[in-house]
């Protein structure tokens, strides 16, 4: 490899260099930053929608019951625990 191709490859691997962003389809770091801000705004919109989803109160809660109970039959934590105790 020549020195120029080594330098180009090195620049393309360095996020502090415009060649890094140009090799990824952006004109410069500023264009990349602008596209990320737009994507972050879209993500934030979805996050707000998810806040209002109600969970089934009988669903598995890792803070409420051990992971061993997660796949046990039963509609409530108590039923899953009883099944686990009786069969394992």
Protein backbone atom coordinates (compact mmCIF):
# COMPACT_ATOMS: atom_id res chain seq x y z
CA UNK A 1 0.00 0.00 0.00
CA UNK A 2 1.15 3.51 -0.70
CA UNK A 3 1.35 6.22 1.92
CA UNK A 4 -1.63 8.04 0.36
CA UNK A 5 -3.88 4.99 0.55
CA UNK A 6 -2.73 4.31 4.13
CA UNK A 7 -3.53 7.92 5.08
CA UNK A 8 -6.94 7.72 3.38
CA UNK A 9 -7.82 4.50 5.20
CA UNK A 10 -6.65 5.98 8.48
CA UNK A 11 -8.73 9.12 7.90
CA UNK A 12 -11.80 7.02 7.08
CA UNK A 13 -11.46 5.24 10.44
CA UNK A 14 -11.10 8.49 12.41
CA UNK A 15 -14.39 10.14 13.48
CA UNK A 16 -12.52 13.43 13.89
CA UNK A 17 -11.89 13.57 10.12
CA UNK A 18 -14.38 14.49 7.37
CA UNK A 19 -13.22 11.45 5.34
CA UNK A 20 -14.83 9.28 8.04
CA UNK A 21 -18.26 10.77 7.33
CA UNK A 22 -17.74 11.04 3.56
CA UNK A 23 -16.98 7.31 3.40
CA UNK A 24 -20.35 6.75 5.08
CA UNK A 25 -22.32 8.88 2.60
CA UNK A 26 -22.31 12.26 4.38
CA UNK A 27 -20.67 15.45 3.12
CA UNK A 28 -19.24 16.29 6.54
CA UNK A 29 -19.62 15.70 10.28
CA UNK A 30 -22.21 18.50 10.39
CA UNK A 31 -24.44 16.63 7.91
CA UNK A 32 -24.14 13.50 10.04
CA UNK A 33 -24.99 15.43 13.23
CA UNK A 34 -28.04 16.98 11.56
CA UNK A 35 -29.33 13.58 10.44
CA UNK A 36 -28.87 12.17 13.96
CA UNK A 37 -30.83 15.02 15.52
CA UNK A 38 -33.72 14.30 13.17
CA UNK A 39 -33.61 10.60 14.05
CA UNK A 40 -33.48 11.38 17.77
CA UNK A 41 -36.60 13.56 17.42
CA UNK A 42 -38.44 10.70 15.70
CA UNK A 43 -37.37 8.29 18.43
CA UNK A 44 -38.56 10.63 21.18
CA UNK A 45 -42.01 10.78 19.59
CA UNK A 46 -42.36 6.99 19.77
CA UNK A 47 -41.12 6.93 23.33
CA UNK A 48 -43.95 9.22 24.46
CA UNK A 49 -46.56 6.98 22.81
CA UNK A 50 -45.26 3.90 24.63
CA UNK A 51 -45.63 5.51 28.06
CA UNK A 52 -49.40 5.10 28.03
CA UNK A 53 -49.52 1.37 27.32
CA UNK A 54 -51.10 -0.35 30.28
CA UNK A 55 -49.64 -3.65 31.39
CA UNK A 56 -51.72 -6.59 32.45
CA UNK A 57 -51.48 -6.64 36.24
CA UNK A 58 -51.04 -10.43 36.19
CA UNK A 59 -48.15 -10.33 33.71
CA UNK A 60 -44.67 -11.40 34.74
CA UNK A 61 -42.74 -8.68 36.57
CA UNK A 62 -39.04 -9.50 37.10
CA UNK A 63 -38.94 -7.31 40.20
CA UNK A 64 -41.95 -9.06 41.71
CA UNK A 65 -41.13 -12.72 41.15
CA UNK A 66 -38.06 -14.83 40.32
CA UNK A 67 -37.15 -15.52 36.69
CA UNK A 68 -37.78 -19.24 37.23
CA UNK A 69 -41.51 -18.49 37.37
CA UNK A 70 -41.63 -16.64 34.05
CA UNK A 71 -42.54 -19.66 31.90
CA UNK A 72 -44.70 -21.42 34.46
CA UNK A 73 -48.40 -21.90 33.78
CA UNK A 74 -50.73 -19.75 35.82
CA UNK A 75 -52.42 -16.41 35.56
CA UNK A 76 -51.10 -14.82 38.74
CA UNK A 77 -47.70 -14.73 40.43
CA UNK A 78 -49.06 -16.93 43.22
CA UNK A 79 -50.26 -19.61 40.79
CA UNK A 80 -46.90 -19.62 38.96
CA UNK A 81 -45.04 -19.89 42.27
CA UNK A 82 -47.25 -22.77 43.43
CA UNK A 83 -46.76 -24.63 40.16
CA UNK A 84 -42.99 -24.15 40.43
CA UNK A 85 -42.92 -25.33 44.06
CA UNK A 86 -44.97 -28.44 43.30
CA UNK A 87 -43.06 -29.51 40.20
CA UNK A 88 -39.43 -28.55 40.71
